[in-house]
Amino acid sequence: NFHGAVIRGGKGVGGSSADGYGDEAASPSPEKVEGLYASGWLKRGPSGIIGTNIPDAKDTVASILRDLKSGSLVPGRERVEEGDDTGDGDDGGDDDGRGGRGAPRGREGLDELLRSRGVTAVDWEGYRRIDDAERRRAKGGSNHPDKPREKFTNVEDMMRAASEVEEEE
């Protein structure tokens, strides 16, 4: 979960999250925002290189999975926007232990949430295929012989590389 506020130009600003609730991170004092996660510069400040994001992202994913396992993060439960609360204290959950509205919890719930939003996830093996393809691209056509990778410049090519299975010779 995200702790604290991002400071830009002396003013606290929120990050942006995949579900559009990043502004919740803006706060005059650091506080924990349940269900809001950050990675990269938003998490640790403007330091490091692209490679620094890999262990940082793993740490963020571990935090998400830990929260899923503990039940403190419930995918599928809708947030109540300011002014939308009925005041009855009911968050819309049906107390079935599945996160309200019949939504599954845990990894299954996260997978369902991502699918429902049209998100194509890349697992670790997919990342490894992308990394291997970028290394091959650097060796094959780079004008810089010491360049370790030739990064993809569009998402479609990168996702194609993530899903390609190399044929055994």
N, C-alpha and C. Protein backbone atom coordinates (compact mmCIF):
# COMPACT_ATOMS: atom_id res chain seq x y z
N ASN A 1 0.84 -1.18 0.00
CA ASN A 1 0.00 0.00 0.00
C ASN A 1 0.87 1.23 0.00
N PHE A 2 0.34 2.29 -0.51
CA PHE A 2 1.08 3.53 -0.65
C PHE A 2 1.06 4.29 0.66
N HIS A 3 2.23 4.73 1.10
CA HIS A 3 2.34 5.55 2.29
C HIS A 3 2.90 6.90 1.87
N GLY A 4 2.32 7.98 2.36
CA GLY A 4 2.89 9.28 2.14
C GLY A 4 2.29 10.02 0.97
N ALA A 5 2.89 11.14 0.68
CA ALA A 5 2.43 12.00 -0.41
C ALA A 5 3.60 12.31 -1.32
N VAL A 6 3.31 12.55 -2.56
CA VAL A 6 4.33 12.96 -3.51
C VAL A 6 4.36 14.48 -3.49
N ILE A 7 5.53 15.04 -3.39
CA ILE A 7 5.66 16.49 -3.34
C ILE A 7 6.27 16.97 -4.65
N ARG A 8 5.57 17.87 -5.31
CA ARG A 8 6.06 18.45 -6.56
C ARG A 8 5.81 19.94 -6.48
N GLY A 9 6.86 20.74 -6.61
CA GLY A 9 6.70 22.18 -6.55
C GLY A 9 6.17 22.66 -5.21
N GLY A 10 6.51 21.96 -4.13
CA GLY A 10 6.08 22.36 -2.80
C GLY A 10 4.63 22.01 -2.48
N LYS A 11 3.96 21.33 -3.40
CA LYS A 11 2.54 20.98 -3.21
C LYS A 11 2.40 19.47 -3.28
N GLY A 12 1.64 18.89 -2.38
CA GLY A 12 1.40 17.45 -2.42
C GLY A 12 0.50 17.11 -3.58
N VAL A 13 0.92 16.13 -4.37
CA VAL A 13 0.10 15.68 -5.50
C VAL A 13 0.02 14.17 -5.45
N GLY A 14 -1.05 13.62 -5.97
CA GLY A 14 -1.21 12.18 -5.98
C GLY A 14 -0.61 11.58 -7.23
N GLY A 15 -0.25 10.32 -7.12
CA GLY A 15 0.20 9.59 -8.29
C GLY A 15 -1.02 9.15 -9.06
N SER A 16 -0.79 8.49 -10.18
CA SER A 16 -1.95 7.98 -10.90
C SER A 16 -1.87 6.48 -10.86
N SER A 17 -2.96 5.86 -10.53
CA SER A 17 -3.01 4.41 -10.47
C SER A 17 -3.86 3.89 -11.61
N ALA A 18 -3.77 2.60 -11.85
CA ALA A 18 -4.49 1.99 -12.96
C ALA A 18 -5.99 2.19 -12.85
N ASP A 19 -6.50 2.27 -11.62
CA ASP A 19 -7.95 2.42 -11.49
C ASP A 19 -8.39 3.87 -11.36
N GLY A 20 -7.45 4.83 -11.52
CA GLY A 20 -7.82 6.23 -11.52
C GLY A 20 -8.02 6.85 -10.16
N TYR A 21 -7.61 6.16 -9.10
CA TYR A 21 -7.80 6.70 -7.76
C TYR A 21 -6.51 7.23 -7.16
N GLY A 22 -5.53 7.60 -7.99
CA GLY A 22 -4.23 8.04 -7.51
C GLY A 22 -4.26 9.30 -6.68
N ASP A 23 -5.24 10.17 -6.89
CA ASP A 23 -5.28 11.42 -6.15
C ASP A 23 -5.47 11.21 -4.66
N GLU A 24 -5.89 10.01 -4.27
CA GLU A 24 -6.05 9.75 -2.84
C GLU A 24 -4.71 9.81 -2.11
N ALA A 25 -3.60 9.69 -2.85
CA ALA A 25 -2.29 9.71 -2.22
C ALA A 25 -1.93 11.11 -1.74
N ALA A 26 -2.56 12.14 -2.31
CA ALA A 26 -2.26 13.51 -1.91
C ALA A 26 -2.77 13.73 -0.49
N SER A 27 -1.85 14.12 0.38
CA SER A 27 -2.23 14.30 1.77
C SER A 27 -1.22 15.22 2.42
N PRO A 28 -1.65 16.08 3.32
CA PRO A 28 -0.68 16.93 4.00
C PRO A 28 0.24 16.14 4.91
N SER A 29 -0.16 14.95 5.33
CA SER A 29 0.70 14.13 6.17
C SER A 29 0.68 12.70 5.64
N PRO A 30 1.83 12.01 5.74
CA PRO A 30 1.87 10.64 5.24
C PRO A 30 0.87 9.75 5.96
N GLU A 31 0.10 9.01 5.20
CA GLU A 31 -0.84 8.06 5.77
C GLU A 31 -0.99 6.91 4.79
N LYS A 32 -1.41 5.79 5.30
CA LYS A 32 -1.59 4.61 4.47
C LYS A 32 -2.92 4.70 3.73
N VAL A 33 -2.88 4.43 2.43
CA VAL A 33 -4.10 4.42 1.62
C VAL A 33 -4.30 2.97 1.19
N GLU A 34 -5.31 2.32 1.78
CA GLU A 34 -5.57 0.92 1.48
C GLU A 34 -5.86 0.72 0.00
N GLY A 35 -5.23 -0.29 -0.59
CA GLY A 35 -5.51 -0.64 -1.97
C GLY A 35 -4.83 0.23 -3.01
N LEU A 36 -3.98 1.15 -2.59
CA LEU A 36 -3.26 2.00 -3.54
C LEU A 36 -1.79 1.63 -3.45
N TYR A 37 -1.20 1.26 -4.56
CA TYR A 37 0.18 0.80 -4.60
C TYR A 37 0.97 1.66 -5.56
N ALA A 38 2.26 1.75 -5.31
CA ALA A 38 3.12 2.56 -6.17
C ALA A 38 4.39 1.78 -6.46
N SER A 39 5.02 2.13 -7.56
CA SER A 39 6.28 1.52 -7.94
C SER A 39 7.10 2.57 -8.67
N GLY A 40 8.38 2.31 -8.83
CA GLY A 40 9.22 3.25 -9.57
C GLY A 40 9.46 4.53 -8.80
N TRP A 41 9.59 5.62 -9.53
CA TRP A 41 9.91 6.90 -8.91
C TRP A 41 8.83 7.36 -7.95
N LEU A 42 7.58 7.03 -8.22
CA LEU A 42 6.51 7.43 -7.32
C LEU A 42 6.71 6.79 -5.95
N LYS A 43 7.27 5.59 -5.93
CA LYS A 43 7.47 4.87 -4.68
C LYS A 43 8.73 5.32 -3.94
N ARG A 44 9.82 5.50 -4.68
CA ARG A 44 11.11 5.72 -4.01
C ARG A 44 11.76 7.05 -4.31
N GLY A 45 11.12 7.87 -5.14
CA GLY A 45 11.71 9.15 -5.50
C GLY A 45 12.53 9.01 -6.77
N PRO A 46 12.97 10.15 -7.32
CA PRO A 46 13.67 10.14 -8.61
C PRO A 46 15.10 9.62 -8.50
N SER A 47 15.22 8.31 -8.44
CA SER A 47 16.54 7.70 -8.37
C SER A 47 16.52 6.36 -9.08
N GLY A 48 17.68 5.94 -9.50
CA GLY A 48 17.79 4.62 -10.12
C GLY A 48 17.64 4.66 -11.62
N ILE A 49 17.79 3.49 -12.20
CA ILE A 49 17.70 3.32 -13.65
C ILE A 49 16.57 2.35 -13.96
N ILE A 50 16.34 2.09 -15.23
CA ILE A 50 15.25 1.19 -15.61
C ILE A 50 15.36 -0.14 -14.87
N GLY A 51 16.56 -0.69 -14.77
CA GLY A 51 16.76 -1.96 -14.09
C GLY A 51 16.38 -1.93 -12.62
N THR A 52 16.41 -0.76 -12.01
CA THR A 52 16.03 -0.63 -10.60
C THR A 52 14.56 -0.92 -10.41
N ASN A 53 13.77 -0.73 -11.46
CA ASN A 53 12.33 -0.92 -11.35
C ASN A 53 11.93 -2.39 -11.22
N ILE A 54 12.78 -3.31 -11.66
CA ILE A 54 12.42 -4.73 -11.60
C ILE A 54 12.30 -5.20 -10.15
N PRO A 55 13.35 -5.05 -9.32
CA PRO A 55 13.17 -5.48 -7.92
C PRO A 55 12.13 -4.63 -7.20
N ASP A 56 12.02 -3.36 -7.58
CA ASP A 56 11.03 -2.48 -6.98
C ASP A 56 9.62 -2.97 -7.30
N ALA A 57 9.38 -3.34 -8.55
CA ALA A 57 8.07 -3.86 -8.96
C ALA A 57 7.78 -5.19 -8.26
N LYS A 58 8.81 -6.05 -8.13
CA LYS A 58 8.62 -7.32 -7.42
C LYS A 58 8.19 -7.06 -5.97
N ASP A 59 8.79 -6.06 -5.34
CA ASP A 59 8.43 -5.71 -3.97
C ASP A 59 6.98 -5.23 -3.90
N THR A 60 6.57 -4.43 -4.87
CA THR A 60 5.19 -3.94 -4.91
C THR A 60 4.21 -5.09 -5.12
N VAL A 61 4.53 -5.99 -6.04
CA VAL A 61 3.67 -7.16 -6.28
C VAL A 61 3.59 -8.02 -5.03
N ALA A 62 4.72 -8.21 -4.35
CA ALA A 62 4.72 -9.00 -3.11
C ALA A 62 3.79 -8.36 -2.07
N SER A 63 3.78 -7.03 -2.02
CA SER A 63 2.91 -6.33 -1.09
C SER A 63 1.44 -6.53 -1.46
N ILE A 64 1.12 -6.48 -2.75
CA ILE A 64 -0.25 -6.71 -3.21
C ILE A 64 -0.68 -8.14 -2.86
N LEU A 65 0.19 -9.11 -3.16
CA LEU A 65 -0.15 -10.51 -2.88
C LEU A 65 -0.31 -10.76 -1.38
N ARG A 66 0.54 -10.12 -0.58
CA ARG A 66 0.43 -10.25 0.88
C ARG A 66 -0.93 -9.71 1.35
N ASP A 67 -1.33 -8.56 0.80
CA ASP A 67 -2.62 -7.98 1.18
C ASP A 67 -3.79 -8.84 0.69
N LEU A 68 -3.65 -9.42 -0.50
CA LEU A 68 -4.69 -10.31 -1.00
C LEU A 68 -4.85 -11.52 -0.08
N LYS A 69 -3.70 -12.10 0.31
CA LYS A 69 -3.72 -13.29 1.16
C LYS A 69 -4.32 -12.99 2.53
N SER A 70 -4.03 -11.81 3.06
CA SER A 70 -4.54 -11.46 4.39
C SER A 70 -6.01 -11.06 4.35
N GLY A 71 -6.52 -10.78 3.16
CA GLY A 71 -7.92 -10.37 3.04
C GLY A 71 -8.14 -8.88 3.18
N SER A 72 -7.05 -8.11 3.34
CA SER A 72 -7.23 -6.67 3.49
C SER A 72 -7.47 -5.96 2.16
N LEU A 73 -7.18 -6.63 1.07
CA LEU A 73 -7.43 -6.07 -0.26
C LEU A 73 -8.49 -6.94 -0.91
N VAL A 74 -9.56 -6.33 -1.34
CA VAL A 74 -10.68 -7.09 -1.88
C VAL A 74 -10.98 -6.60 -3.29
N PRO A 75 -10.41 -7.25 -4.32
CA PRO A 75 -10.72 -6.85 -5.69
C PRO A 75 -12.21 -7.01 -5.96
N GLY A 76 -12.75 -6.11 -6.72
CA GLY A 76 -14.15 -6.20 -7.09
C GLY A 76 -15.06 -5.35 -6.21
N ARG A 77 -14.60 -4.98 -5.04
CA ARG A 77 -15.44 -4.11 -4.20
C ARG A 77 -15.29 -2.70 -4.75
N GLU A 78 -16.41 -2.09 -5.03
CA GLU A 78 -16.38 -0.74 -5.59
C GLU A 78 -16.13 0.26 -4.48
N ARG A 79 -15.43 1.32 -4.83
CA ARG A 79 -15.21 2.40 -3.87
C ARG A 79 -16.45 3.28 -3.82
N VAL A 80 -16.70 3.84 -2.67
CA VAL A 80 -17.80 4.79 -2.54
C VAL A 80 -17.22 6.17 -2.72
N GLU A 81 -17.69 6.87 -3.73
CA GLU A 81 -17.21 8.21 -4.00
C GLU A 81 -17.80 9.19 -3.00
N GLU A 82 -17.11 10.29 -2.77
CA GLU A 82 -17.60 11.31 -1.87
C GLU A 82 -18.98 11.77 -2.34
N GLY A 83 -19.93 11.82 -1.43
CA GLY A 83 -21.27 12.25 -1.78
C GLY A 83 -22.17 11.10 -2.20
N ASP A 84 -21.60 9.91 -2.46
CA ASP A 84 -22.40 8.77 -2.89
C ASP A 84 -22.81 7.88 -1.73
N ASP A 85 -22.24 8.11 -0.56
CA ASP A 85 -22.52 7.24 0.58
C ASP A 85 -23.96 7.44 1.04
N THR A 86 -24.64 6.37 1.25
CA THR A 86 -26.03 6.44 1.71
C THR A 86 -26.11 6.72 3.19
N GLY A 87 -24.98 6.60 3.88
CA GLY A 87 -24.97 6.86 5.30
C GLY A 87 -25.43 5.69 6.14
N ASP A 88 -25.70 4.55 5.49
CA ASP A 88 -26.18 3.40 6.26
C ASP A 88 -25.06 2.50 6.74
N GLY A 89 -23.82 2.86 6.41
CA GLY A 89 -22.69 2.06 6.85
C GLY A 89 -22.48 0.80 6.04
N ASP A 90 -23.33 0.57 5.06
CA ASP A 90 -23.22 -0.63 4.23
C ASP A 90 -22.36 -0.31 3.02
N ASP A 91 -21.28 -1.08 2.85
CA ASP A 91 -20.40 -0.84 1.71
C ASP A 91 -20.86 -1.59 0.47
N GLY A 92 -22.01 -2.21 0.53
CA GLY A 92 -22.51 -2.96 -0.61
C GLY A 92 -22.12 -4.41 -0.57
N GLY A 93 -21.29 -4.80 0.40
CA GLY A 93 -20.86 -6.18 0.50
C GLY A 93 -21.99 -7.07 0.99
N ASP A 94 -21.91 -8.33 0.64
CA ASP A 94 -22.96 -9.25 1.06
C ASP A 94 -22.48 -10.19 2.16
N ASP A 95 -21.33 -9.86 2.76
CA ASP A 95 -20.79 -10.63 3.86
C ASP A 95 -20.65 -12.12 3.56
N ASP A 96 -20.39 -12.44 2.30
CA ASP A 96 -20.20 -13.84 1.94
C ASP A 96 -18.74 -14.25 2.02
N GLY A 97 -17.87 -13.32 2.50
CA GLY A 97 -16.45 -13.63 2.61
C GLY A 97 -15.74 -13.58 1.28
N ARG A 98 -16.42 -13.12 0.25
CA ARG A 98 -15.80 -13.08 -1.07
C ARG A 98 -15.64 -11.65 -1.56
N GLY A 99 -15.72 -10.67 -0.69
CA GLY A 99 -15.44 -9.31 -1.10
C GLY A 99 -16.66 -8.52 -1.51
N GLY A 100 -17.84 -8.98 -1.21
CA GLY A 100 -19.03 -8.22 -1.57
C GLY A 100 -19.43 -8.46 -3.00
N ARG A 101 -20.70 -8.36 -3.25
CA ARG A 101 -21.26 -8.53 -4.59
C ARG A 101 -20.82 -9.84 -5.23
N GLY A 102 -20.46 -10.83 -4.42
CA GLY A 102 -20.10 -12.14 -4.95
C GLY A 102 -18.74 -12.19 -5.61
N ALA A 103 -17.94 -11.13 -5.48
CA ALA A 103 -16.63 -11.10 -6.13
C ALA A 103 -15.65 -12.02 -5.40
N PRO A 104 -14.89 -12.82 -6.14
CA PRO A 104 -13.90 -13.69 -5.49
C PRO A 104 -12.75 -12.87 -4.92
N ARG A 105 -12.09 -13.42 -3.91
CA ARG A 105 -10.96 -12.76 -3.28
C ARG A 105 -9.66 -13.40 -3.75
N GLY A 106 -8.58 -12.81 -3.33
CA GLY A 106 -7.26 -13.38 -3.59
C GLY A 106 -6.85 -13.25 -5.04
N ARG A 107 -5.94 -14.14 -5.44
CA ARG A 107 -5.39 -14.10 -6.79
C ARG A 107 -6.48 -14.23 -7.84
N GLU A 108 -7.46 -15.10 -7.58
CA GLU A 108 -8.57 -15.29 -8.52
C GLU A 108 -9.34 -13.97 -8.71
N GLY A 109 -9.55 -13.25 -7.63
CA GLY A 109 -10.25 -11.97 -7.71
C GLY A 109 -9.46 -10.93 -8.48
N LEU A 110 -8.14 -10.90 -8.25
CA LEU A 110 -7.29 -9.96 -8.97
C LEU A 110 -7.30 -10.28 -10.46
N ASP A 111 -7.15 -11.56 -10.79
CA ASP A 111 -7.18 -11.96 -12.21
C ASP A 111 -8.50 -11.57 -12.86
N GLU A 112 -9.60 -11.80 -12.14
CA GLU A 112 -10.93 -11.45 -12.68
C GLU A 112 -11.06 -9.94 -12.88
N LEU A 113 -10.58 -9.18 -11.92
CA LEU A 113 -10.64 -7.72 -12.02
C LEU A 113 -9.86 -7.23 -13.23
N LEU A 114 -8.65 -7.74 -13.41
CA LEU A 114 -7.83 -7.33 -14.55
C LEU A 114 -8.49 -7.70 -15.87
N ARG A 115 -9.01 -8.93 -15.95
CA ARG A 115 -9.72 -9.35 -17.18
C ARG A 115 -10.91 -8.46 -17.47
N SER A 116 -11.67 -8.13 -16.43
CA SER A 116 -12.87 -7.30 -16.63
C SER A 116 -12.53 -5.91 -17.13
N ARG A 117 -11.31 -5.47 -16.85
CA ARG A 117 -10.88 -4.15 -17.31
C ARG A 117 -10.08 -4.22 -18.61
N GLY A 118 -9.98 -5.42 -19.17
CA GLY A 118 -9.27 -5.57 -20.44
C GLY A 118 -7.76 -5.48 -20.32
N VAL A 119 -7.23 -5.74 -19.13
CA VAL A 119 -5.79 -5.68 -18.91
C VAL A 119 -5.16 -7.02 -19.28
N THR A 120 -4.16 -6.98 -20.14
CA THR A 120 -3.40 -8.18 -20.47
C THR A 120 -2.16 -8.18 -19.60
N ALA A 121 -2.10 -9.10 -18.66
CA ALA A 121 -0.98 -9.15 -17.74
C ALA A 121 0.18 -9.92 -18.36
N VAL A 122 1.39 -9.53 -17.99
CA VAL A 122 2.60 -10.23 -18.41
C VAL A 122 3.20 -10.87 -17.17
N ASP A 123 3.31 -12.20 -17.18
CA ASP A 123 3.89 -12.89 -16.04
C ASP A 123 5.42 -12.86 -16.14
N TRP A 124 6.08 -13.48 -15.17
CA TRP A 124 7.54 -13.45 -15.13
C TRP A 124 8.14 -14.09 -16.38
N GLU A 125 7.58 -15.21 -16.83
CA GLU A 125 8.10 -15.86 -18.04
C GLU A 125 7.93 -14.95 -19.25
N GLY A 126 6.81 -14.24 -19.33
CA GLY A 126 6.60 -13.27 -20.41
C GLY A 126 7.63 -12.16 -20.36
N TYR A 127 7.93 -11.67 -19.15
CA TYR A 127 8.97 -10.65 -19.01
C TYR A 127 10.32 -11.19 -19.50
N ARG A 128 10.63 -12.44 -19.13
CA ARG A 128 11.90 -13.04 -19.56
C ARG A 128 11.98 -13.12 -21.08
N ARG A 129 10.85 -13.45 -21.74
CA ARG A 129 10.84 -13.50 -23.21
C ARG A 129 11.06 -12.11 -23.80
N ILE A 130 10.46 -11.08 -23.18
CA ILE A 130 10.68 -9.70 -23.64
C ILE A 130 12.15 -9.35 -23.48
N ASP A 131 12.72 -9.64 -22.32
CA ASP A 131 14.12 -9.34 -22.05
C ASP A 131 15.04 -10.03 -23.05
N ASP A 132 14.80 -11.32 -23.30
CA ASP A 132 15.61 -12.06 -24.28
C ASP A 132 15.50 -11.44 -25.67
N ALA A 133 14.29 -11.08 -26.08
CA ALA A 133 14.09 -10.48 -27.40
C ALA A 133 14.81 -9.14 -27.50
N GLU A 134 14.78 -8.34 -26.46
CA GLU A 134 15.46 -7.04 -26.48
C GLU A 134 16.98 -7.23 -26.56
N ARG A 135 17.50 -8.24 -25.90
CA ARG A 135 18.94 -8.52 -25.98
C ARG A 135 19.33 -8.98 -27.39
N ARG A 136 18.50 -9.83 -27.99
CA ARG A 136 18.77 -10.27 -29.37
C ARG A 136 18.71 -9.09 -30.34
N ARG A 137 17.75 -8.21 -30.15
CA ARG A 137 17.60 -7.05 -31.02
C ARG A 137 18.84 -6.15 -30.94
N ALA A 138 19.43 -6.01 -29.76
CA ALA A 138 20.61 -5.17 -29.60
C ALA A 138 21.80 -5.76 -30.34
N LYS A 139 21.93 -7.08 -30.30
CA LYS A 139 23.04 -7.74 -30.99
C LYS A 139 22.86 -7.71 -32.50
N GLY A 140 21.60 -7.73 -32.94
CA GLY A 140 21.32 -7.85 -34.36
C GLY A 140 21.37 -6.58 -35.16
N GLY A 141 21.16 -5.43 -34.57
CA GLY A 141 21.08 -4.25 -35.42
C GLY A 141 21.49 -2.95 -34.78
N SER A 142 22.02 -3.01 -33.59
CA SER A 142 22.37 -1.78 -32.90
C SER A 142 23.66 -1.19 -33.45
N ASN A 143 23.70 0.13 -33.55
CA ASN A 143 24.92 0.82 -33.94
C ASN A 143 25.87 0.98 -32.76
N HIS A 144 25.43 0.54 -31.61
CA HIS A 144 26.23 0.64 -30.39
C HIS A 144 26.55 -0.77 -29.92
N PRO A 145 27.77 -1.26 -30.18
CA PRO A 145 28.10 -2.66 -29.87
C PRO A 145 27.98 -3.02 -28.39
N ASP A 146 28.10 -2.06 -27.50
CA ASP A 146 28.02 -2.36 -26.07
C ASP A 146 26.61 -2.19 -25.50
N LYS A 147 25.67 -1.85 -26.37
CA LYS A 147 24.29 -1.64 -25.91
C LYS A 147 23.70 -2.99 -25.51
N PRO A 148 23.24 -3.14 -24.26
CA PRO A 148 22.75 -4.44 -23.80
C PRO A 148 21.37 -4.81 -24.35
N ARG A 149 20.54 -3.82 -24.64
CA ARG A 149 19.17 -4.09 -25.10
C ARG A 149 18.75 -3.06 -26.13
N GLU A 150 17.88 -3.50 -27.02
CA GLU A 150 17.18 -2.59 -27.92
C GLU A 150 15.72 -2.68 -27.50
N LYS A 151 15.24 -1.64 -26.80
CA LYS A 151 13.90 -1.67 -26.22
C LYS A 151 12.83 -1.61 -27.31
N PHE A 152 11.70 -2.22 -27.03
CA PHE A 152 10.56 -2.13 -27.93
C PHE A 152 10.00 -0.71 -27.86
N THR A 153 9.51 -0.23 -29.00
CA THR A 153 8.96 1.12 -29.03
C THR A 153 7.45 1.14 -29.12
N ASN A 154 6.83 -0.04 -29.21
CA ASN A 154 5.37 -0.07 -29.15
C ASN A 154 4.90 -1.30 -28.38
N VAL A 155 3.77 -1.14 -27.77
CA VAL A 155 3.23 -2.17 -26.88
C VAL A 155 2.90 -3.45 -27.63
N GLU A 156 2.38 -3.33 -28.86
CA GLU A 156 1.98 -4.52 -29.61
C GLU A 156 3.16 -5.46 -29.84
N ASP A 157 4.31 -4.91 -30.26
CA ASP A 157 5.50 -5.75 -30.48
C ASP A 157 5.99 -6.36 -29.18
N MET A 158 5.96 -5.58 -28.11
CA MET A 158 6.41 -6.08 -26.82
C MET A 158 5.50 -7.22 -26.34
N MET A 159 4.20 -7.06 -26.48
CA MET A 159 3.27 -8.11 -26.04
C MET A 159 3.40 -9.35 -26.92
N ARG A 160 3.68 -9.16 -28.19
CA ARG A 160 3.90 -10.30 -29.08
C ARG A 160 5.13 -11.08 -28.61
N ALA A 161 6.21 -10.37 -28.26
CA ALA A 161 7.42 -11.03 -27.75
C ALA A 161 7.14 -11.75 -26.44
N ALA A 162 6.30 -11.17 -25.59
CA ALA A 162 5.97 -11.79 -24.30
C ALA A 162 5.25 -13.11 -24.47
N SER A 163 4.48 -13.23 -25.54
CA SER A 163 3.67 -14.44 -25.71
C SER A 163 4.30 -15.47 -26.64
N GLU A 164 5.40 -15.11 -27.31
CA GLU A 164 6.04 -16.06 -28.22
C GLU A 164 6.78 -17.13 -27.44
N VAL A 165 6.58 -18.36 -27.85
CA VAL A 165 7.29 -19.49 -27.26
C VAL A 165 8.34 -19.91 -28.26
N GLU A 166 9.60 -19.94 -27.80
CA GLU A 166 10.68 -20.31 -28.71
C GLU A 166 10.60 -21.79 -29.05
N GLU A 167 10.83 -22.07 -30.32
CA GLU A 167 10.81 -23.46 -30.77
C GLU A 167 12.14 -24.11 -30.45
N GLU A 168 12.08 -25.33 -29.95
CA GLU A 168 13.31 -26.06 -29.65
C GLU A 168 13.87 -26.62 -30.93
N GLU A 169 15.21 -26.58 -31.04
CA GLU A 169 15.85 -27.08 -32.25
C GLU A 169 16.19 -28.53 -32.15
